[in-house]
């Protein structure tokens, strides 16, 4: 039955591709070829590049392509097709034109964290498709968080079109308020934490489709940690300007980062050990400084409260003593 199902899927792919070729729909044909039912082979980069070039035209053309891609993603019940559609979406984020990225960011128009609507995806066709279903759910969640983080940062994380000089980027970060920096760190950490929850790739026995996804996700993790590092260094420079509430949020964020960084290090082989160690040292130093500042602030508040209580106590006691002197006891006057 499994072999029969695979044969039917291949015939279906060929039929759809033939129909697209007859109708001279180049983009549709490339999409079908890039998102075939093969459960072991990632999309051919030739077809991915053809899809990306569809954004070189008008906004209407880019919008039509995004709708076509999302329609295939939303309607398929095949885990391999879903994963390859998600890979195509991921490539748009990283390498697509501005028009394509813009159309992707506004689709669907209602937005939302789960707008890919794949959190309940299940393909029960065979054990392989069932195993790949967990990767569909994970990958969809990752891309949703990647888009959410990119909206908060103001640029697509890891996109080749948004790269800028290190000094220019650091100047942009330096111009942010403490609240904006904390908001960006929180979103970046959510992305890194999500990567740490990926399925175990060992169970897929070196499936090349999964290997492709792991590589793309790890690249996002590297970029996210770099952005976190820039913001950690910025907070080290403005340590004395934080309010008590901002200090509490910063300590909490650094604790979150410490908790997930070791797991991410073990999973993400593309990370440079030296870079991660520098980040880890910076996180520990910043957390310790923030905790010291919070302790000083708490002591200051404690001394202020204690001082006010002492003053209030003196006032109350003085009032009581004065009032006692004003009281006349009738019985005492008899002996005067």
C-alpha atoms as a PDB file:
ATOM      1  CA  UNK A   1       0.000   0.000   0.000  1.00  0.00           C
ATOM      2  CA  UNK A   2       2.871   2.371   0.793  1.00  0.00           C
ATOM      3  CA  UNK A   3       4.541   1.786  -2.569  1.00  0.00           C
ATOM      4  CA  UNK A   4       1.205   2.181  -4.328  1.00  0.00           C
ATOM      5  CA  UNK A   5       0.600   5.498  -2.553  1.00  0.00           C
ATOM      6  CA  UNK A   6       4.068   6.746  -3.523  1.00  0.00           C
ATOM      7  CA  UNK A   7       3.430   5.735  -7.139  1.00  0.00           C
ATOM      8  CA  UNK A   8       0.097   7.567  -7.142  1.00  0.00           C
ATOM      9  CA  UNK A   9       1.770  10.686  -5.701  1.00  0.00           C
ATOM     10  CA  UNK A  10       4.435  10.638  -8.417  1.00  0.00           C
ATOM     11  CA  UNK A  11       1.809  10.212 -11.135  1.00  0.00           C
ATOM     12  CA  UNK A  12      -0.120  13.101  -9.613  1.00  0.00           C
ATOM     13  CA  UNK A  13       3.017  15.285  -9.663  1.00  0.00           C
ATOM     14  CA  UNK A  14       3.678  14.453 -13.322  1.00  0.00           C
ATOM     15  CA  UNK A  15       0.067  15.136 -14.274  1.00  0.00           C
ATOM     16  CA  UNK A  16       0.030  18.529 -12.539  1.00  0.00           C
ATOM     17  CA  UNK A  17       3.385  19.469 -14.066  1.00  0.00           C
ATOM     18  CA  UNK A  18       2.190  18.418 -17.508  1.00  0.00           C
ATOM     19  CA  UNK A  19      -0.944  20.516 -17.146  1.00  0.00           C
ATOM     20  CA  UNK A  20       1.094  23.540 -16.043  1.00  0.00           C
ATOM     21  CA  UNK A  21       3.492  23.076 -18.980  1.00  0.00           C
ATOM     22  CA  UNK A  22       0.604  22.897 -21.463  1.00  0.00           C
ATOM     23  CA  UNK A  23      -0.881  26.054 -20.004  1.00  0.00           C
ATOM     24  CA  UNK A  24       2.584  27.729 -20.170  1.00  0.00           C
ATOM     25  CA  UNK A  25       2.493  28.668 -16.510  1.00  0.00           C
ATOM     26  CA  UNK A  26       6.210  28.823 -15.760  1.00  0.00           C
ATOM     27  CA  UNK A  27       5.854  29.779 -12.090  1.00  0.00           C
ATOM     28  CA  UNK A  28       3.219  27.129 -11.421  1.00  0.00           C
ATOM     29  CA  UNK A  29       5.348  24.474 -13.097  1.00  0.00           C
ATOM     30  CA  UNK A  30       8.413  25.458 -11.061  1.00  0.00           C
ATOM     31  CA  UNK A  31       6.353  25.413  -7.865  1.00  0.00           C
ATOM     32  CA  UNK A  32       5.048  21.909  -8.585  1.00  0.00           C
ATOM     33  CA  UNK A  33       8.534  20.662  -9.391  1.00  0.00           C
ATOM     34  CA  UNK A  34       9.998  22.286  -6.272  1.00  0.00           C
ATOM     35  CA  UNK A  35       7.290  20.850  -4.015  1.00  0.00           C
ATOM     36  CA  UNK A  36       7.026  17.267  -5.226  1.00  0.00           C
ATOM     37  CA  UNK A  37       5.835  14.325  -3.094  1.00  0.00           C
ATOM     38  CA  UNK A  38       9.333  12.837  -2.768  1.00  0.00           C
ATOM     39  CA  UNK A  39       9.893  12.400   0.992  1.00  0.00           C
ATOM     40  CA  UNK A  40      13.690  12.208   0.853  1.00  0.00           C
ATOM     41  CA  UNK A  41      14.895  14.885  -1.579  1.00  0.00           C
ATOM     42  CA  UNK A  42      14.904  18.651  -0.903  1.00  0.00           C
ATOM     43  CA  UNK A  43      13.711  21.084  -3.600  1.00  0.00           C
ATOM     44  CA  UNK A  44      16.046  21.609  -6.528  1.00  0.00           C
ATOM     45  CA  UNK A  45      17.637  25.060  -6.131  1.00  0.00           C
ATOM     46  CA  UNK A  46      17.076  25.689  -9.839  1.00  0.00           C
ATOM     47  CA  UNK A  47      13.331  25.639  -9.274  1.00  0.00           C
ATOM     48  CA  UNK A  48      13.633  27.688  -6.066  1.00  0.00           C
ATOM     49  CA  UNK A  49      15.577  30.364  -7.961  1.00  0.00           C
ATOM     50  CA  UNK A  50      12.884  30.407 -10.643  1.00  0.00           C
ATOM     51  CA  UNK A  51      10.279  30.967  -7.946  1.00  0.00           C
ATOM     52  CA  UNK A  52      12.301  33.792  -6.416  1.00  0.00           C
ATOM     53  CA  UNK A  53      12.614  35.481  -9.808  1.00  0.00           C
ATOM     54  CA  UNK A  54       8.822  35.724  -9.975  1.00  0.00           C
ATOM     55  CA  UNK A  55       9.111  38.623  -7.558  1.00  0.00           C
ATOM     56  CA  UNK A  56      11.093  40.686 -10.052  1.00  0.00           C
ATOM     57  CA  UNK A  57       7.884  41.800 -11.744  1.00  0.00           C
ATOM     58  CA  UNK A  58       4.953  43.802 -10.453  1.00  0.00           C
ATOM     59  CA  UNK A  59       3.400  43.697  -7.000  1.00  0.00           C
ATOM     60  CA  UNK A  60       0.351  41.969  -8.498  1.00  0.00           C
ATOM     61  CA  UNK A  61       2.558  39.196  -9.905  1.00  0.00           C
ATOM     62  CA  UNK A  62       4.318  38.723  -6.566  1.00  0.00           C
ATOM     63  CA  UNK A  63       0.992  38.677  -4.730  1.00  0.00           C
ATOM     64  CA  UNK A  64      -0.386  36.032  -7.094  1.00  0.00           C
ATOM     65  CA  UNK A  65       2.666  33.848  -6.563  1.00  0.00           C
ATOM     66  CA  UNK A  66       2.442  34.120  -2.754  1.00  0.00           C
ATOM     67  CA  UNK A  67      -1.224  33.146  -2.912  1.00  0.00           C
ATOM     68  CA  UNK A  68      -0.351  30.195  -5.172  1.00  0.00           C
ATOM     69  CA  UNK A  69       2.389  29.009  -2.805  1.00  0.00           C
ATOM     70  CA  UNK A  70       0.258  29.428   0.310  1.00  0.00           C
ATOM     71  CA  UNK A  71      -2.692  27.695  -1.316  1.00  0.00           C
ATOM     72  CA  UNK A  72      -0.524  24.646  -2.034  1.00  0.00           C
ATOM     73  CA  UNK A  73       0.804  24.727   1.527  1.00  0.00           C
ATOM     74  CA  UNK A  74      -2.636  25.078   3.117  1.00  0.00           C
ATOM     75  CA  UNK A  75      -4.423  22.453   1.026  1.00  0.00           C
ATOM     76  CA  UNK A  76      -1.849  19.648   0.927  1.00  0.00           C
ATOM     77  CA  UNK A  77      -2.108  16.690   3.274  1.00  0.00           C
ATOM     78  CA  UNK A  78       1.303  15.357   2.283  1.00  0.00           C
ATOM     79  CA  UNK A  79       4.153  16.053   4.735  1.00  0.00           C
ATOM     80  CA  UNK A  80       6.853  16.200   2.031  1.00  0.00           C
ATOM     81  CA  UNK A  81       4.907  18.760  -0.011  1.00  0.00           C
ATOM     82  CA  UNK A  82       4.255  20.848   3.105  1.00  0.00           C
ATOM     83  CA  UNK A  83       7.940  20.833   4.092  1.00  0.00           C
ATOM     84  CA  UNK A  84       9.043  21.864   0.607  1.00  0.00           C
ATOM     85  CA  UNK A  85       6.494  24.691   0.538  1.00  0.00           C
ATOM     86  CA  UNK A  86       7.884  25.878   3.874  1.00  0.00           C
ATOM     87  CA  UNK A  87      11.419  25.713   2.462  1.00  0.00           C
ATOM     88  CA  UNK A  88      10.252  27.930  -0.413  1.00  0.00           C
ATOM     89  CA  UNK A  89       8.778  30.395   2.104  1.00  0.00           C
ATOM     90  CA  UNK A  90      12.053  30.326   4.043  1.00  0.00           C
ATOM     91  CA  UNK A  91      14.048  31.117   0.896  1.00  0.00           C
ATOM     92  CA  UNK A  92      11.753  34.078   0.186  1.00  0.00           C
ATOM     93  CA  UNK A  93      12.550  35.441   3.654  1.00  0.00           C
ATOM     94  CA  UNK A  94      16.288  34.969   3.187  1.00  0.00           C
ATOM     95  CA  UNK A  95      16.815  35.627  -0.517  1.00  0.00           C
ATOM     96  CA  UNK A  96      13.602  37.014  -1.983  1.00  0.00           C
ATOM     97  CA  UNK A  97      13.129  40.425  -3.536  1.00  0.00           C
ATOM     98  CA  UNK A  98      11.634  43.255  -1.494  1.00  0.00           C
ATOM     99  CA  UNK A  99       8.298  42.891  -3.301  1.00  0.00           C
ATOM    100  CA  UNK A 100       8.086  39.157  -2.528  1.00  0.00           C
ATOM    101  CA  UNK A 101       9.068  39.696   1.103  1.00  0.00           C
ATOM    102  CA  UNK A 102       6.535  42.484   1.439  1.00  0.00           C
ATOM    103  CA  UNK A 103       3.716  40.345   0.043  1.00  0.00           C
ATOM    104  CA  UNK A 104       4.715  37.479   2.338  1.00  0.00           C
ATOM    105  CA  UNK A 105       4.725  39.733   5.402  1.00  0.00           C
ATOM    106  CA  UNK A 106       1.142  40.889   4.807  1.00  0.00           C
ATOM    107  CA  UNK A 107      -0.267  37.437   4.014  1.00  0.00           C
ATOM    108  CA  UNK A 108      -2.830  36.687   5.274  1.00  0.00           C
ATOM    109  CA  UNK A 109      -4.178  40.112   6.019  1.00  0.00           C
ATOM    110  CA  UNK A 110      -5.455  39.076   9.455  1.00  0.00           C
ATOM    111  CA  UNK A 111      -1.910  38.184  10.612  1.00  0.00           C
ATOM    112  CA  UNK A 112      -1.465  36.173  13.802  1.00  0.00           C
ATOM    113  CA  UNK A 113       1.135  33.887  15.368  1.00  0.00           C
ATOM    114  CA  UNK A 114      -0.315  30.677  13.912  1.00  0.00           C
ATOM    115  CA  UNK A 115      -1.323  32.051  10.552  1.00  0.00           C
ATOM    116  CA  UNK A 116       0.285  29.163   8.625  1.00  0.00           C
ATOM    117  CA  UNK A 117      -2.295  27.002  10.414  1.00  0.00           C
ATOM    118  CA  UNK A 118      -0.147  23.860  10.560  1.00  0.00           C
ATOM    119  CA  UNK A 119       0.042  23.300  14.309  1.00  0.00           C
ATOM    120  CA  UNK A 120      -2.276  20.284  13.968  1.00  0.00           C
ATOM    121  CA  UNK A 121      -0.774  18.880  10.769  1.00  0.00           C
ATOM    122  CA  UNK A 122      -0.793  15.058  10.621  1.00  0.00           C
ATOM    123  CA  UNK A 123       0.112  12.820   7.674  1.00  0.00           C
ATOM    124  CA  UNK A 124      -0.718   9.217   8.622  1.00  0.00           C
ATOM    125  CA  UNK A 125       0.055   7.698   5.221  1.00  0.00           C
ATOM    126  CA  UNK A 126       3.116   5.733   6.440  1.00  0.00           C
ATOM    127  CA  UNK A 127       5.712   5.831   9.262  1.00  0.00           C
ATOM    128  CA  UNK A 128       7.983   8.176   7.283  1.00  0.00           C
ATOM    129  CA  UNK A 129       5.211  10.694   6.567  1.00  0.00           C
ATOM    130  CA  UNK A 130       4.108  10.468  10.212  1.00  0.00           C
ATOM    131  CA  UNK A 131       7.664  11.238  11.346  1.00  0.00           C
ATOM    132  CA  UNK A 132       7.935  14.130   8.890  1.00  0.00           C
ATOM    133  CA  UNK A 133       4.666  15.554  10.248  1.00  0.00           C
ATOM    134  CA  UNK A 134       6.445  16.579  13.455  1.00  0.00           C
ATOM    135  CA  UNK A 135       8.953  18.456  11.321  1.00  0.00           C
ATOM    136  CA  UNK A 136       6.114  20.229   9.482  1.00  0.00           C
ATOM    137  CA  UNK A 137       4.692  21.467  12.793  1.00  0.00           C
ATOM    138  CA  UNK A 138       8.110  22.524  14.099  1.00  0.00           C
ATOM    139  CA  UNK A 139       9.204  24.215  10.867  1.00  0.00           C
ATOM    140  CA  UNK A 140       5.924  26.103  10.467  1.00  0.00           C
ATOM    141  CA  UNK A 141       6.180  27.397  14.036  1.00  0.00           C
ATOM    142  CA  UNK A 142       9.789  28.442  13.417  1.00  0.00           C
ATOM    143  CA  UNK A 143       8.898  30.408  10.288  1.00  0.00           C
ATOM    144  CA  UNK A 144       5.975  32.065  12.086  1.00  0.00           C
ATOM    145  CA  UNK A 145       8.292  33.149  14.899  1.00  0.00           C
ATOM    146  CA  UNK A 146      10.920  34.240  12.360  1.00  0.00           C
ATOM    147  CA  UNK A 147       8.365  36.497  10.663  1.00  0.00           C
ATOM    148  CA  UNK A 148       7.163  37.812  14.037  1.00  0.00           C
ATOM    149  CA  UNK A 149      10.748  38.585  15.135  1.00  0.00           C
ATOM    150  CA  UNK A 150      11.500  40.226  11.800  1.00  0.00           C
ATOM    151  CA  UNK A 151       8.483  42.535  12.182  1.00  0.00           C
ATOM    152  CA  UNK A 152       9.727  43.614  15.617  1.00  0.00           C
ATOM    153  CA  UNK A 153      13.306  44.142  14.395  1.00  0.00           C
ATOM    154  CA  UNK A 154      12.130  46.056  11.342  1.00  0.00           C
ATOM    155  CA  UNK A 155      14.001  43.850   8.866  1.00  0.00           C
ATOM    156  CA  UNK A 156      14.007  40.206   7.770  1.00  0.00           C
ATOM    157  CA  UNK A 157      16.463  38.379  10.006  1.00  0.00           C
ATOM    158  CA  UNK A 158      19.231  36.776   7.968  1.00  0.00           C
ATOM    159  CA  UNK A 159      17.993  38.238   4.682  1.00  0.00           C
ATOM    160  CA  UNK A 160      20.704  39.078   2.165  1.00  0.00           C
ATOM    161  CA  UNK A 161      18.807  42.246   1.193  1.00  0.00           C
ATOM    162  CA  UNK A 162      18.920  43.645   4.751  1.00  0.00           C
ATOM    163  CA  UNK A 163      22.631  43.249   5.423  1.00  0.00           C
ATOM    164  CA  UNK A 164      24.429  46.399   6.450  1.00  0.00           C
ATOM    165  CA  UNK A 165      27.789  47.362   7.854  1.00  0.00           C
ATOM    166  CA  UNK A 166      28.531  46.349  11.420  1.00  0.00           C
ATOM    167  CA  UNK A 167      29.120  49.927  12.544  1.00  0.00           C
ATOM    168  CA  UNK A 168      25.904  51.156  10.910  1.00  0.00           C
ATOM    169  CA  UNK A 169      23.910  48.336  12.479  1.00  0.00           C
ATOM    170  CA  UNK A 170      25.346  48.990  15.932  1.00  0.00           C
ATOM    171  CA  UNK A 171      24.536  52.704  15.573  1.00  0.00           C
ATOM    172  CA  UNK A 172      20.922  51.790  14.766  1.00  0.00           C
ATOM    173  CA  UNK A 173      20.716  49.606  17.870  1.00  0.00           C
ATOM    174  CA  UNK A 174      22.327  52.358  19.977  1.00  0.00           C
ATOM    175  CA  UNK A 175      19.471  54.682  19.012  1.00  0.00           C
ATOM    176  CA  UNK A 176      16.794  52.406  20.484  1.00  0.00           C
ATOM    177  CA  UNK A 177      15.139  52.963  23.844  1.00  0.00           C
ATOM    178  CA  UNK A 178      15.641  50.487  26.691  1.00  0.00           C
ATOM    179  CA  UNK A 179      12.066  49.257  26.245  1.00  0.00           C
ATOM    180  CA  UNK A 180      12.601  48.617  22.510  1.00  0.00           C
ATOM    181  CA  UNK A 181      15.864  46.770  23.190  1.00  0.00           C
ATOM    182  CA  UNK A 182      14.176  44.525  25.745  1.00  0.00           C
ATOM    183  CA  UNK A 183      11.299  43.857  23.349  1.00  0.00           C
ATOM    184  CA  UNK A 184      13.724  42.861  20.582  1.00  0.00           C
ATOM    185  CA  UNK A 185      15.771  40.618  22.886  1.00  0.00           C
ATOM    186  CA  UNK A 186      12.588  38.904  24.067  1.00  0.00           C
ATOM    187  CA  UNK A 187      11.536  38.153  20.483  1.00  0.00           C
ATOM    188  CA  UNK A 188      15.027  36.934  19.492  1.00  0.00           C
ATOM    189  CA  UNK A 189      15.128  34.645  22.529  1.00  0.00           C
ATOM    190  CA  UNK A 190      11.728  33.216  21.616  1.00  0.00           C
ATOM    191  CA  UNK A 191      13.192  32.289  18.222  1.00  0.00           C
ATOM    192  CA  UNK A 192      16.296  30.662  19.765  1.00  0.00           C
ATOM    193  CA  UNK A 193      14.216  28.799  22.342  1.00  0.00           C
ATOM    194  CA  UNK A 194      11.994  27.456  19.567  1.00  0.00           C
ATOM    195  CA  UNK A 195      15.028  26.116  17.695  1.00  0.00           C
ATOM    196  CA  UNK A 196      16.007  24.240  20.831  1.00  0.00           C
ATOM    197  CA  UNK A 197      12.709  22.326  20.688  1.00  0.00           C
ATOM    198  CA  UNK A 198      13.215  20.831  17.237  1.00  0.00           C
ATOM    199  CA  UNK A 199      12.516  17.100  16.692  1.00  0.00           C
ATOM    200  CA  UNK A 200      15.344  14.601  16.903  1.00  0.00           C
ATOM    201  CA  UNK A 201      16.893  14.342  13.393  1.00  0.00           C
ATOM    202  CA  UNK A 202      18.436  10.954  14.228  1.00  0.00           C
ATOM    203  CA  UNK A 203      15.049   9.272  13.849  1.00  0.00           C
ATOM    204  CA  UNK A 204      14.834  10.375  10.196  1.00  0.00           C
ATOM    205  CA  UNK A 205      18.004   8.403   9.316  1.00  0.00           C
ATOM    206  CA  UNK A 206      19.825  11.197   7.497  1.00  0.00           C
ATOM    207  CA  UNK A 207      16.879  12.221   5.341  1.00  0.00           C
ATOM    208  CA  UNK A 208      18.268  14.904   2.984  1.00  0.00           C
ATOM    209  CA  UNK A 209      15.026  16.855   3.167  1.00  0.00           C
ATOM    210  CA  UNK A 210      15.383  17.122   6.949  1.00  0.00           C
ATOM    211  CA  UNK A 211      19.103  17.918   6.649  1.00  0.00           C
ATOM    212  CA  UNK A 212      18.214  20.880   4.396  1.00  0.00           C
ATOM    213  CA  UNK A 213      15.722  22.189   6.957  1.00  0.00           C
ATOM    214  CA  UNK A 214      18.162  21.777   9.862  1.00  0.00           C
ATOM    215  CA  UNK A 215      20.770  23.805   7.974  1.00  0.00           C
ATOM    216  CA  UNK A 216      18.359  26.653   7.224  1.00  0.00           C
ATOM    217  CA  UNK A 217      17.091  26.771  10.800  1.00  0.00           C
ATOM    218  CA  UNK A 218      20.600  26.742  12.263  1.00  0.00           C
ATOM    219  CA  UNK A 219      21.555  29.706  10.082  1.00  0.00           C
ATOM    220  CA  UNK A 220      18.634  31.617  11.627  1.00  0.00           C
ATOM    221  CA  UNK A 221      19.858  30.633  15.088  1.00  0.00           C
ATOM    222  CA  UNK A 222      23.328  31.992  14.359  1.00  0.00           C
ATOM    223  CA  UNK A 223      21.875  35.293  13.118  1.00  0.00           C
ATOM    224  CA  UNK A 224      19.563  35.532  16.147  1.00  0.00           C
ATOM    225  CA  UNK A 225      22.450  35.019  18.585  1.00  0.00           C
ATOM    226  CA  UNK A 226      24.500  37.659  16.766  1.00  0.00           C
ATOM    227  CA  UNK A 227      21.663  40.140  17.132  1.00  0.00           C
ATOM    228  CA  UNK A 228      21.310  39.225  20.816  1.00  0.00           C
ATOM    229  CA  UNK A 229      25.054  39.762  21.277  1.00  0.00           C
ATOM    230  CA  UNK A 230      24.848  43.290  19.814  1.00  0.00           C
ATOM    231  CA  UNK A 231      22.016  44.184  22.193  1.00  0.00           C
ATOM    232  CA  UNK A 232      23.760  42.637  25.202  1.00  0.00           C
ATOM    233  CA  UNK A 233      26.824  44.788  24.486  1.00  0.00           C
ATOM    234  CA  UNK A 234      24.609  47.857  24.155  1.00  0.00           C
ATOM    235  CA  UNK A 235      23.029  47.210  27.552  1.00  0.00           C
ATOM    236  CA  UNK A 236      26.497  46.889  29.076  1.00  0.00           C
ATOM    237  CA  UNK A 237      27.176  50.450  27.906  1.00  0.00           C
ATOM    238  CA  UNK A 238      23.956  51.897  29.343  1.00  0.00           C
ATOM    239  CA  UNK A 239      23.778  49.884  32.564  1.00  0.00           C
ATOM    240  CA  UNK A 240      23.270  52.942  34.760  1.00  0.00           C
ATOM    241  CA  UNK A 241      20.312  54.262  32.754  1.00  0.00           C
ATOM    242  CA  UNK A 242      17.932  51.362  33.449  1.00  0.00           C
ATOM    243  CA  UNK A 243      14.910  51.751  35.664  1.00  0.00           C
ATOM    244  CA  UNK A 244      14.219  49.163  38.345  1.00  0.00           C
ATOM    245  CA  UNK A 245      11.563  47.467  36.192  1.00  0.00           C
ATOM    246  CA  UNK A 246      13.842  47.396  33.145  1.00  0.00           C
ATOM    247  CA  UNK A 247      16.604  45.873  35.275  1.00  0.00           C
ATOM    248  CA  UNK A 248      14.278  43.088  36.401  1.00  0.00           C
ATOM    249  CA  UNK A 249      13.287  42.354  32.779  1.00  0.00           C
ATOM    250  CA  UNK A 250      16.930  42.309  31.695  1.00  0.00           C
ATOM    251  CA  UNK A 251      17.974  39.846  34.420  1.00  0.00           C
ATOM    252  CA  UNK A 252      15.066  37.586  33.476  1.00  0.00           C
ATOM    253  CA  UNK A 253      16.058  37.718  29.783  1.00  0.00           C
ATOM    254  CA  UNK A 254      19.687  36.863  30.572  1.00  0.00           C
ATOM    255  CA  UNK A 255      18.573  33.904  32.695  1.00  0.00           C
ATOM    256  CA  UNK A 256      16.470  32.660  29.781  1.00  0.00           C
ATOM    257  CA  UNK A 257      19.452  32.977  27.473  1.00  0.00           C
ATOM    258  CA  UNK A 258      21.710  31.088  29.864  1.00  0.00           C
ATOM    259  CA  UNK A 259      19.174  28.267  30.102  1.00  0.00           C
ATOM    260  CA  UNK A 260      18.869  27.745  26.346  1.00  0.00           C
ATOM    261  CA  UNK A 261      22.369  28.564  25.090  1.00  0.00           C
ATOM    262  CA  UNK A 262      23.952  25.266  26.201  1.00  0.00           C
ATOM    263  CA  UNK A 263      21.276  23.197  24.462  1.00  0.00           C
ATOM    264  CA  UNK A 264      21.540  25.298  21.320  1.00  0.00           C
ATOM    265  CA  UNK A 265      25.328  24.918  21.320  1.00  0.00           C
ATOM    266  CA  UNK A 266      24.982  21.134  21.325  1.00  0.00           C
ATOM    267  CA  UNK A 267      22.440  21.189  18.500  1.00  0.00           C
ATOM    268  CA  UNK A 268      23.825  23.868  16.203  1.00  0.00           C
ATOM    269  CA  UNK A 269      27.126  22.586  14.846  1.00  0.00           C
ATOM    270  CA  UNK A 270      27.619  25.648  12.606  1.00  0.00           C
ATOM    271  CA  UNK A 271      28.223  27.893  15.608  1.00  0.00           C
ATOM    272  CA  UNK A 272      31.758  29.006  16.381  1.00  0.00           C
ATOM    273  CA  UNK A 273      32.677  27.911  19.898  1.00  0.00           C
ATOM    274  CA  UNK A 274      34.737  31.072  20.488  1.00  0.00           C
ATOM    275  CA  UNK A 275      31.842  33.330  19.443  1.00  0.00           C
ATOM    276  CA  UNK A 276      29.389  31.524  21.726  1.00  0.00           C
ATOM    277  CA  UNK A 277      31.849  31.619  24.623  1.00  0.00           C
ATOM    278  CA  UNK A 278      32.242  35.389  24.227  1.00  0.00           C
ATOM    279  CA  UNK A 279      28.471  35.782  24.179  1.00  0.00           C
ATOM    280  CA  UNK A 280      28.099  33.567  27.236  1.00  0.00           C
ATOM    281  CA  UNK A 281      30.728  35.598  29.135  1.00  0.00           C
ATOM    282  CA  UNK A 282      28.988  38.847  28.150  1.00  0.00           C
ATOM    283  CA  UNK A 283      25.623  37.495  29.300  1.00  0.00           C
ATOM    284  CA  UNK A 284      27.005  36.453  32.679  1.00  0.00           C
ATOM    285  CA  UNK A 285      28.766  39.785  33.165  1.00  0.00           C
ATOM    286  CA  UNK A 286      25.654  41.767  32.222  1.00  0.00           C
ATOM    287  CA  UNK A 287      23.407  39.663  34.458  1.00  0.00           C
ATOM    288  CA  UNK A 288      25.760  40.106  37.431  1.00  0.00           C
ATOM    289  CA  UNK A 289      25.949  43.866  36.882  1.00  0.00           C
ATOM    290  CA  UNK A 290      22.174  44.122  36.565  1.00  0.00           C
ATOM    291  CA  UNK A 291      21.663  42.076  39.737  1.00  0.00           C
ATOM    292  CA  UNK A 292      24.110  44.325  41.635  1.00  0.00           C
ATOM    293  CA  UNK A 293      22.263  47.427  40.413  1.00  0.00           C
ATOM    294  CA  UNK A 294      18.944  45.891  41.449  1.00  0.00           C
ATOM    295  CA  UNK A 295      20.343  45.061  44.872  1.00  0.00           C
ATOM    296  CA  UNK A 296      21.572  48.654  45.297  1.00  0.00           C
ATOM    297  CA  UNK A 297      18.169  49.966  44.226  1.00  0.00           C
ATOM    298  CA  UNK A 298      16.395  47.616  46.638  1.00  0.00           C
ATOM    299  CA  UNK A 299      18.663  48.739  49.499  1.00  0.00           C
ATOM    300  CA  UNK A 300      18.009  52.360  48.614  1.00  0.00           C
ATOM    301  CA  UNK A 301      14.252  51.769  48.605  1.00  0.00           C
ATOM    302  CA  UNK A 302      14.519  49.815  51.880  1.00  0.00           C
ATOM    303  CA  UNK A 303      16.461  52.611  53.581  1.00  0.00           C
ATOM    304  CA  UNK A 304      13.988  55.205  52.309  1.00  0.00           C
ATOM    305  CA  UNK A 305      10.998  53.208  53.557  1.00  0.00           C
ATOM    306  CA  UNK A 306      12.671  52.550  56.898  1.00  0.00           C
ATOM    307  CA  UNK A 307      13.504  56.244  57.261  1.00  0.00           C
ATOM    308  CA  UNK A 308       9.886  57.255  56.559  1.00  0.00           C
ATOM    309  CA  UNK A 309       8.630  54.684  59.064  1.00  0.00           C
ATOM    310  CA  UNK A 310      10.972  56.048  61.746  1.00  0.00           C
ATOM    311  CA  UNK A 311       9.823  59.606  61.078  1.00  0.00           C
ATOM    312  CA  UNK A 312       6.165  58.546  61.181  1.00  0.00           C
ATOM    313  CA  UNK A 313       6.813  56.631  64.413  1.00  0.00           C
ATOM    314  CA  UNK A 314       8.396  59.688  66.052  1.00  0.00           C
ATOM    315  CA  UNK A 315       5.477  61.869  64.944  1.00  0.00           C
ATOM    316  CA  UNK A 316       2.920  59.412  66.285  1.00  0.00           C
ATOM    317  CA  UNK A 317       4.709  58.971  69.635  1.00  0.00           C
ATOM    318  CA  UNK A 318       5.160  62.718  70.011  1.00  0.00           C
ATOM    319  CA  UNK A 319       1.491  63.317  69.365  1.00  0.00           C
ATOM    320  CA  UNK A 320       0.481  60.696  71.919  1.00  0.00           C
ATOM    321  CA  UNK A 321       2.777  62.157  74.585  1.00  0.00           C
ATOM    322  CA  UNK A 322       1.519  65.679  73.980  1.00  0.00           C
ATOM    323  CA  UNK A 323      -2.077  64.564  74.133  1.00  0.00           C
ATOM    324  CA  UNK A 324      -1.476  62.767  77.461  1.00  0.00           C
ATOM    325  CA  UNK A 325      -0.275  66.055  79.015  1.00  0.00           C
ATOM    326  CA  UNK A 326      -3.568  67.709  78.046  1.00  0.00           C
ATOM    327  CA  UNK A 327      -5.742  65.152  79.822  1.00  0.00           C
ATOM    328  CA  UNK A 328      -7.046  66.157  83.300  1.00  0.00           C
ATOM    329  CA  UNK A 329      -8.117  63.458  85.702  1.00  0.00           C
ATOM    330  CA  UNK A 330     -10.967  64.697  87.971  1.00  0.00           C
ATOM    331  CA  UNK A 331      -9.850  62.514  90.871  1.00  0.00           C
ATOM    332  CA  UNK A 332      -6.453  64.193  91.027  1.00  0.00           C
ATOM    333  CA  UNK A 333      -7.891  67.636  91.681  1.00  0.00           C
ATOM    334  CA  UNK A 334      -9.395  66.549  94.976  1.00  0.00           C
ATOM    335  CA  UNK A 335      -5.996  66.382  96.647  1.00  0.00           C
ATOM    336  CA  UNK A 336      -4.738  69.712  95.344  1.00  0.00           C
END
